[in-house]
Amino acid sequence: MIGFRTVVSPDGSVQSNRSTTTGPAYVTNDAALVPRNLGSALRTLDDVRMQVSQEIAVHTITKAKVQDGVRIGVRLVMSNGDDEDFLRQVAARIQHQLTLHEHLFAVATTAQSAITAPSTLIICGSSQDYVQRAVLLASSKFIGRIVAATNEDDRWVATVQDLGISPYDEDALWDVVRKASRSPMDPLVPPPGAKGIDEILSEARAKLQRISALQAFDELRESQVGAPTFLVDIRPQAQRDREGGIHGSLIIERNVLEWRFDPRCASRLAIADRYDLRIIIFCQEGYTSSLAAYSLQQIGLLNATDIIGGYEAWKSAGLPIDLDRRESRSLVSLAGSFV
């Protein structure tokens, strides 16, 4: 076959030589391979990486889509290893090119083979809101595969196991940036019949006869009250460890409260064998406890109520507290958290 070779002579002129070969036809331009100024310094590997990162960034922006006025894109870069520094260059150039535009992009390295290996994923955007929404969605998409992650203002860098090996991964990242960049719905126009949490809380408290910390303390000590009375701490363990507790209270976390006190439930406590129990609930500040007490009323425990201000109010009133409950658990808490 006949091929042509373009040669650059020392004086800068271009000559074309015709040659006949038995191989495939091709065109070679030495000018693209050899610098014209032979006296200039040769390009370093860092120069090449910088140019490649720029080209990838431009190509990624060119292929970007628009979602509610936000430019979005996903790019998986083939790599022999987990090249986080190179990926950071790509992300930085995308952000620099789109400084004046709303944007959200996900770029990641992916292995060239099916061998199990960690990859780097960077989510970058024009605002922290876009990035944080994308982070929450990505965490859900790649459950059990995110090995490590760090937040860096308008960028999130994560190490993800086996990223890009399955076609699912790229589709999942597109789904992440697409949903994270959607314009938020007007919070003042909720679906028909929906209620805000403040309204739900107000309705719950309207059904309760809430009491102060001092009233709760006096009631617990009163021997003339006909119904069995219990003080119930529904705070999570981490909060109890950090803030302390009230010695003698029943520790029943919020997620199992109804199952422990419903007389009809097989998982109820031994003391929950009647509906006239006086259950006084407290949380840290008296918000969750109101919803919990109302929930107990709905299953028939009409004497349930909560403490105004919660544990903070109890402590501020100078009532007895236990600041070291890390090693001890109440008898009721030993019942476990199964339902």
Protein backbone atom coordinates (compact mmCIF):
# COMPACT_ATOMS: atom_id res chain seq x y z
CA MET A 1 0.00 0.00 0.00
CA ILE A 2 1.07 3.60 -0.48
CA GLY A 3 1.76 5.81 2.51
CA PHE A 4 3.00 9.34 3.06
CA ARG A 5 5.50 10.57 5.64
CA THR A 6 5.67 14.23 6.55
CA VAL A 7 9.19 15.39 7.38
CA VAL A 8 10.21 18.72 8.87
CA SER A 9 13.62 19.86 7.57
CA PRO A 10 16.07 21.88 9.73
CA ASP A 11 15.03 25.15 8.00
CA GLY A 12 11.40 24.56 8.97
CA SER A 13 10.12 23.55 5.53
CA VAL A 14 7.84 20.56 5.17
CA GLN A 15 8.61 17.76 2.72
CA SER A 16 6.41 14.81 1.81
CA ASN A 17 7.96 11.51 0.77
CA ARG A 18 5.96 8.82 -0.96
CA SER A 19 6.69 5.25 0.04
CA THR A 20 5.25 1.89 -0.77
CA THR A 21 4.71 -0.62 2.02
CA THR A 22 3.02 -3.91 2.53
CA GLY A 23 1.49 -2.75 5.79
CA PRO A 24 -1.56 -0.54 6.37
CA ALA A 25 -1.56 3.06 5.21
CA TYR A 26 -0.84 5.70 7.86
CA VAL A 27 0.15 9.31 8.20
CA THR A 28 2.92 10.35 10.57
CA ASN A 29 3.61 13.95 11.55
CA ASP A 30 6.93 14.21 13.31
CA ALA A 31 6.21 17.84 14.11
CA ALA A 32 3.57 16.64 16.56
CA LEU A 33 6.10 14.40 18.26
CA VAL A 34 9.26 16.51 18.25
CA PRO A 35 9.36 20.16 19.42
CA ARG A 36 10.15 22.65 16.67
CA ASN A 37 12.59 24.46 18.95
CA LEU A 38 15.17 21.80 19.60
CA GLY A 39 16.88 24.02 22.14
CA SER A 40 13.84 24.16 24.47
CA ALA A 41 13.58 21.91 27.52
CA LEU A 42 11.92 18.52 27.08
CA ARG A 43 8.48 18.09 28.61
CA THR A 44 8.39 16.36 31.97
CA LEU A 45 5.93 13.72 33.11
CA ASP A 46 4.20 16.34 35.24
CA ASP A 47 3.73 18.51 32.13
CA VAL A 48 2.13 15.58 30.31
CA ARG A 49 -0.15 14.79 33.27
CA MET A 50 -1.20 18.43 33.46
CA GLN A 51 -2.07 18.50 29.77
CA VAL A 52 -3.99 15.23 29.99
CA SER A 53 -5.93 16.42 33.03
CA GLN A 54 -6.85 19.59 31.14
CA GLU A 55 -8.05 17.57 28.15
CA ILE A 56 -10.13 15.26 30.33
CA ALA A 57 -11.66 18.23 32.14
CA VAL A 58 -12.58 19.95 28.86
CA HIS A 59 -14.02 16.73 27.45
CA THR A 60 -16.05 16.15 30.62
CA ILE A 61 -17.46 19.67 30.50
CA THR A 62 -18.26 19.26 26.81
CA LYS A 63 -20.25 16.10 27.55
CA ALA A 64 -22.03 17.67 30.52
CA LYS A 65 -25.81 17.81 30.78
CA VAL A 66 -28.01 20.49 32.31
CA GLN A 67 -30.41 19.79 35.17
CA ASP A 68 -32.53 22.71 36.40
CA GLY A 69 -29.89 25.18 35.22
CA VAL A 70 -27.00 23.22 36.77
CA ARG A 71 -24.31 21.64 34.63
CA ILE A 72 -23.77 18.05 35.69
CA GLY A 73 -21.36 15.37 34.56
CA VAL A 74 -19.68 12.07 35.39
CA ARG A 75 -16.26 10.90 34.25
CA LEU A 76 -14.52 7.61 35.00
CA VAL A 77 -10.80 7.73 34.28
CA MET A 78 -8.94 4.49 33.56
CA SER A 79 -5.91 4.16 35.79
CA ASN A 80 -3.28 1.57 36.63
CA GLY A 81 -3.54 2.56 40.26
CA ASP A 82 -5.43 4.80 42.65
CA ASP A 83 -4.12 8.13 41.30
CA GLU A 84 -5.80 10.60 43.64
CA ASP A 85 -3.48 13.53 42.81
CA PHE A 86 -4.22 13.26 39.09
CA LEU A 87 -7.96 13.12 39.78
CA ARG A 88 -7.68 16.21 41.96
CA GLN A 89 -6.12 18.04 39.00
CA VAL A 90 -9.06 17.06 36.80
CA ALA A 91 -11.60 18.19 39.42
CA ALA A 92 -9.75 21.46 40.01
CA ARG A 93 -9.71 22.27 36.29
CA ILE A 94 -13.41 21.51 35.94
CA GLN A 95 -14.18 23.86 38.81
CA HIS A 96 -11.87 26.53 37.41
CA GLN A 97 -13.48 26.36 33.96
CA LEU A 98 -16.98 26.60 35.46
CA THR A 99 -16.29 29.21 38.14
CA LEU A 100 -19.15 31.41 36.91
CA HIS A 101 -21.62 28.56 36.40
CA GLU A 102 -23.69 26.36 38.69
CA HIS A 103 -22.24 22.85 38.42
CA LEU A 104 -21.92 19.44 40.01
CA PHE A 105 -19.54 16.74 38.78
CA ALA A 106 -18.39 13.29 39.87
CA VAL A 107 -15.00 12.09 38.66
CA ALA A 108 -13.40 8.80 39.62
CA THR A 109 -10.55 6.48 38.82
CA THR A 110 -11.39 2.96 37.74
CA ALA A 111 -9.16 -0.07 37.41
CA GLN A 112 -8.38 -1.53 34.01
CA SER A 113 -9.13 -5.05 35.15
CA ALA A 114 -11.65 -6.88 37.29
CA ILE A 115 -9.15 -7.24 40.12
CA THR A 116 -10.50 -5.95 43.41
CA ALA A 117 -8.96 -2.56 44.17
CA PRO A 118 -9.90 0.75 45.79
CA SER A 119 -10.62 3.76 43.59
CA THR A 120 -10.88 7.48 44.29
CA LEU A 121 -14.17 9.32 43.83
CA ILE A 122 -14.33 13.11 43.90
CA ILE A 123 -17.60 15.00 43.91
CA CYS A 124 -17.13 18.73 43.30
CA GLY A 125 -19.62 21.51 42.79
CA SER A 126 -20.28 25.20 42.82
CA SER A 127 -21.92 25.08 46.26
CA GLN A 128 -21.73 23.03 49.42
CA ASP A 129 -25.45 22.30 49.16
CA TYR A 130 -25.01 20.49 45.85
CA VAL A 131 -22.03 18.55 47.15
CA GLN A 132 -23.64 17.53 50.44
CA ARG A 133 -26.81 16.35 48.73
CA ALA A 134 -24.67 14.34 46.32
CA VAL A 135 -22.62 12.89 49.19
CA LEU A 136 -25.72 11.60 50.97
CA LEU A 137 -27.03 10.04 47.78
CA ALA A 138 -23.66 8.50 46.89
CA SER A 139 -23.36 7.03 50.38
CA SER A 140 -26.69 5.30 49.83
CA LYS A 141 -25.76 4.08 46.35
CA PHE A 142 -22.43 2.58 47.44
CA ILE A 143 -23.36 1.11 50.81
CA GLY A 144 -20.56 -1.04 52.21
CA ARG A 145 -18.07 0.05 49.55
CA ILE A 146 -16.90 3.45 50.83
CA VAL A 147 -13.68 2.79 52.71
CA ALA A 148 -12.80 6.37 53.68
CA ALA A 149 -14.03 9.89 52.94
CA THR A 150 -13.14 13.52 53.67
CA ASN A 151 -15.02 16.78 53.18
CA GLU A 152 -13.10 19.68 51.66
CA ASP A 153 -15.46 22.66 51.38
CA ASP A 154 -16.86 22.40 47.85
CA ARG A 155 -15.37 18.96 47.27
CA TRP A 156 -15.78 15.45 48.70
CA VAL A 157 -13.02 12.86 48.29
CA ALA A 158 -13.76 9.20 48.95
CA THR A 159 -12.12 5.83 48.50
CA VAL A 160 -14.59 3.37 47.00
CA GLN A 161 -14.00 -0.33 46.55
CA ASP A 162 -14.19 -1.72 42.98
CA LEU A 163 -15.58 1.47 41.47
CA GLY A 164 -16.30 1.22 37.76
CA ILE A 165 -16.04 -2.54 37.43
CA SER A 166 -19.81 -2.82 37.05
CA PRO A 167 -21.88 -0.70 34.61
CA TYR A 168 -24.10 0.06 37.60
CA ASP A 169 -21.50 2.41 39.05
CA GLU A 170 -21.52 4.99 36.28
CA ASP A 171 -25.32 4.91 36.08
CA ALA A 172 -25.45 5.34 39.85
CA LEU A 173 -23.16 8.39 39.74
CA TRP A 174 -25.29 9.98 37.02
CA ASP A 175 -28.34 9.37 39.17
CA VAL A 176 -26.54 11.01 42.11
CA VAL A 177 -25.58 14.24 40.31
CA ARG A 178 -28.94 14.44 38.55
CA LYS A 179 -31.00 14.20 41.74
CA ALA A 180 -28.62 16.31 43.84
CA SER A 181 -28.81 19.20 41.39
CA ARG A 182 -32.58 19.39 41.25
CA SER A 183 -34.14 22.64 42.38
CA PRO A 184 -35.64 22.23 45.86
CA MET A 185 -39.39 22.20 46.18
CA ASP A 186 -41.07 25.23 47.70
CA PRO A 187 -41.30 24.40 51.43
CA LEU A 188 -44.38 26.63 51.67
CA VAL A 189 -46.28 24.46 49.20
CA PRO A 190 -46.36 20.97 50.78
CA PRO A 191 -48.44 18.07 49.43
CA PRO A 192 -52.14 18.15 50.38
CA GLY A 193 -52.72 16.94 53.92
CA ALA A 194 -49.07 17.19 54.96
CA LYS A 195 -48.15 18.75 58.30
CA GLY A 196 -44.94 20.38 59.44
CA ILE A 197 -43.16 18.97 62.47
CA ASP A 198 -44.00 22.06 64.52
CA GLU A 199 -47.70 21.50 63.85
CA ILE A 200 -47.41 17.79 64.68
CA LEU A 201 -45.63 18.62 67.92
CA SER A 202 -48.25 21.21 68.89
CA GLU A 203 -51.07 18.76 68.26
CA ALA A 204 -49.35 16.11 70.37
CA ARG A 205 -48.76 18.48 73.27
CA ALA A 206 -52.38 19.59 73.17
CA LYS A 207 -53.34 16.06 74.21
CA LEU A 208 -50.85 15.94 77.10
CA GLN A 209 -50.85 17.34 80.60
CA ARG A 210 -47.14 18.10 80.62
CA ILE A 211 -45.37 18.58 83.94
CA SER A 212 -42.26 20.35 85.15
CA ALA A 213 -39.18 18.57 86.45
CA LEU A 214 -40.07 19.43 90.05
CA GLN A 215 -43.61 18.15 89.59
CA ALA A 216 -42.24 14.92 88.16
CA PHE A 217 -39.86 14.52 91.10
CA ASP A 218 -42.65 15.09 93.64
CA GLU A 219 -44.98 12.73 91.82
CA LEU A 220 -42.43 9.94 91.81
CA ARG A 221 -42.07 10.27 95.60
CA GLU A 222 -45.83 10.49 96.24
CA SER A 223 -47.17 7.32 97.84
CA GLN A 224 -50.81 8.26 97.51
CA VAL A 225 -50.89 8.01 93.70
CA GLY A 226 -53.01 4.99 92.79
CA ALA A 227 -51.32 4.02 89.50
CA PRO A 228 -47.76 2.67 89.26
CA THR A 229 -45.52 5.57 88.20
CA PHE A 230 -42.32 5.27 86.19
CA LEU A 231 -39.76 7.76 84.91
CA VAL A 232 -38.54 6.73 81.45
CA ASP A 233 -35.37 7.91 79.72
CA ILE A 234 -35.71 7.54 75.92
CA ARG A 235 -32.39 9.18 74.95
CA PRO A 236 -29.84 7.22 72.90
CA GLN A 237 -26.89 5.70 74.75
CA ALA A 238 -24.34 8.13 73.30
CA GLN A 239 -26.31 11.04 74.75
CA ARG A 240 -26.66 9.38 78.13
CA ASP A 241 -22.93 8.67 78.24
CA ARG A 242 -22.14 12.27 77.38
CA GLU A 243 -24.72 14.09 79.50
CA GLY A 244 -25.36 11.70 82.38
CA GLY A 245 -28.70 10.31 83.53
CA ILE A 246 -31.20 10.01 86.36
CA HIS A 247 -30.59 7.09 88.67
CA GLY A 248 -33.72 4.95 89.03
CA SER A 249 -35.19 5.88 85.66
CA LEU A 250 -36.04 3.15 83.16
CA ILE A 251 -33.79 3.28 80.10
CA ILE A 252 -35.96 2.44 77.10
CA GLU A 253 -34.75 3.94 73.85
CA ARG A 254 -37.26 5.58 71.57
CA ASN A 255 -37.21 2.96 68.83
CA VAL A 256 -38.70 0.25 71.08
CA LEU A 257 -40.84 2.33 73.47
CA GLU A 258 -44.30 1.32 72.20
CA TRP A 259 -43.41 -2.40 72.09
CA ARG A 260 -42.23 -2.29 75.70
CA PHE A 261 -45.36 -0.64 77.11
CA ASP A 262 -48.20 -2.02 75.00
CA PRO A 263 -49.98 -4.57 77.25
CA ARG A 264 -51.05 -6.46 74.12
CA CYS A 265 -47.50 -6.90 72.80
CA ALA A 266 -45.46 -10.07 73.33
CA SER A 267 -42.31 -7.93 73.78
CA ARG A 268 -43.76 -5.83 76.60
CA LEU A 269 -42.10 -5.35 79.97
CA ALA A 270 -43.41 -7.34 82.92
CA ILE A 271 -44.68 -4.12 84.50
CA ALA A 272 -46.69 -3.19 81.40
CA ASP A 273 -49.67 -5.33 82.30
CA ARG A 274 -52.26 -2.57 82.68
CA TYR A 275 -53.40 0.61 80.92
CA ASP A 276 -53.49 2.99 83.90
CA LEU A 277 -49.69 3.17 84.25
CA ARG A 278 -48.33 6.65 84.87
CA ILE A 279 -45.42 6.96 82.41
CA ILE A 280 -43.35 10.15 82.67
CA ILE A 281 -41.02 10.38 79.70
CA PHE A 282 -38.00 12.62 79.26
CA CYS A 283 -35.50 13.23 76.47
CA GLN A 284 -32.70 15.77 76.41
CA GLU A 285 -34.75 18.95 75.90
CA GLY A 286 -38.41 17.90 75.87
CA TYR A 287 -39.26 17.63 72.17
CA THR A 288 -39.01 13.96 71.25
CA SER A 289 -40.55 13.06 74.61
CA SER A 290 -43.79 14.86 73.73
CA LEU A 291 -44.22 12.82 70.56
CA ALA A 292 -43.34 9.64 72.45
CA ALA A 293 -45.86 10.30 75.25
CA TYR A 294 -48.60 11.01 72.73
CA SER A 295 -47.77 7.76 70.94
CA LEU A 296 -48.26 5.85 74.21
CA GLN A 297 -51.61 7.55 74.69
CA GLN A 298 -52.65 6.34 71.25
CA ILE A 299 -52.13 2.72 72.30
CA GLY A 300 -54.24 3.25 75.42
CA LEU A 301 -51.85 4.53 78.09
CA LEU A 302 -53.80 7.72 78.72
CA ASN A 303 -51.75 8.72 81.78
CA ALA A 304 -48.54 9.06 79.77
CA THR A 305 -46.91 12.51 79.74
CA ASP A 306 -43.48 14.13 79.52
CA ILE A 307 -41.25 16.61 81.34
CA ILE A 308 -41.15 20.18 80.06
CA GLY A 309 -37.55 20.93 79.11
CA GLY A 310 -36.46 17.32 79.50
CA TYR A 311 -33.24 16.27 81.19
CA GLU A 312 -31.81 19.79 80.87
CA ALA A 313 -34.67 21.16 82.97
CA TRP A 314 -34.24 18.39 85.54
CA LYS A 315 -30.54 19.15 85.87
CA SER A 316 -31.12 22.93 86.01
CA ALA A 317 -33.62 22.42 88.85
CA GLY A 318 -30.84 20.86 90.93
CA LEU A 319 -32.53 17.47 91.08
CA PRO A 320 -30.39 14.34 91.57
CA ILE A 321 -28.50 13.14 88.49
CA ASP A 322 -26.00 10.38 87.80
CA LEU A 323 -23.03 11.62 85.79
CA ASP A 324 -21.40 8.22 85.34
CA ARG A 325 -23.72 5.67 83.79
CA ARG A 326 -21.29 4.23 81.27
CA GLU A 327 -20.60 1.04 83.19
CA SER A 328 -24.07 0.41 84.56
CA ARG A 329 -27.34 -0.29 82.83
CA SER A 330 -30.80 -0.29 84.32
CA LEU A 331 -32.56 -3.61 84.87
CA VAL A 332 -35.05 -2.77 82.18
CA SER A 333 -32.35 -1.96 79.61
CA LEU A 334 -31.01 -5.49 80.02
CA ALA A 335 -34.18 -6.72 78.32
CA GLY A 336 -32.54 -5.88 74.98
CA SER A 337 -33.71 -3.88 72.01
CA PHE A 338 -35.40 -6.57 69.95
CA VAL A 339 -39.03 -6.13 68.95
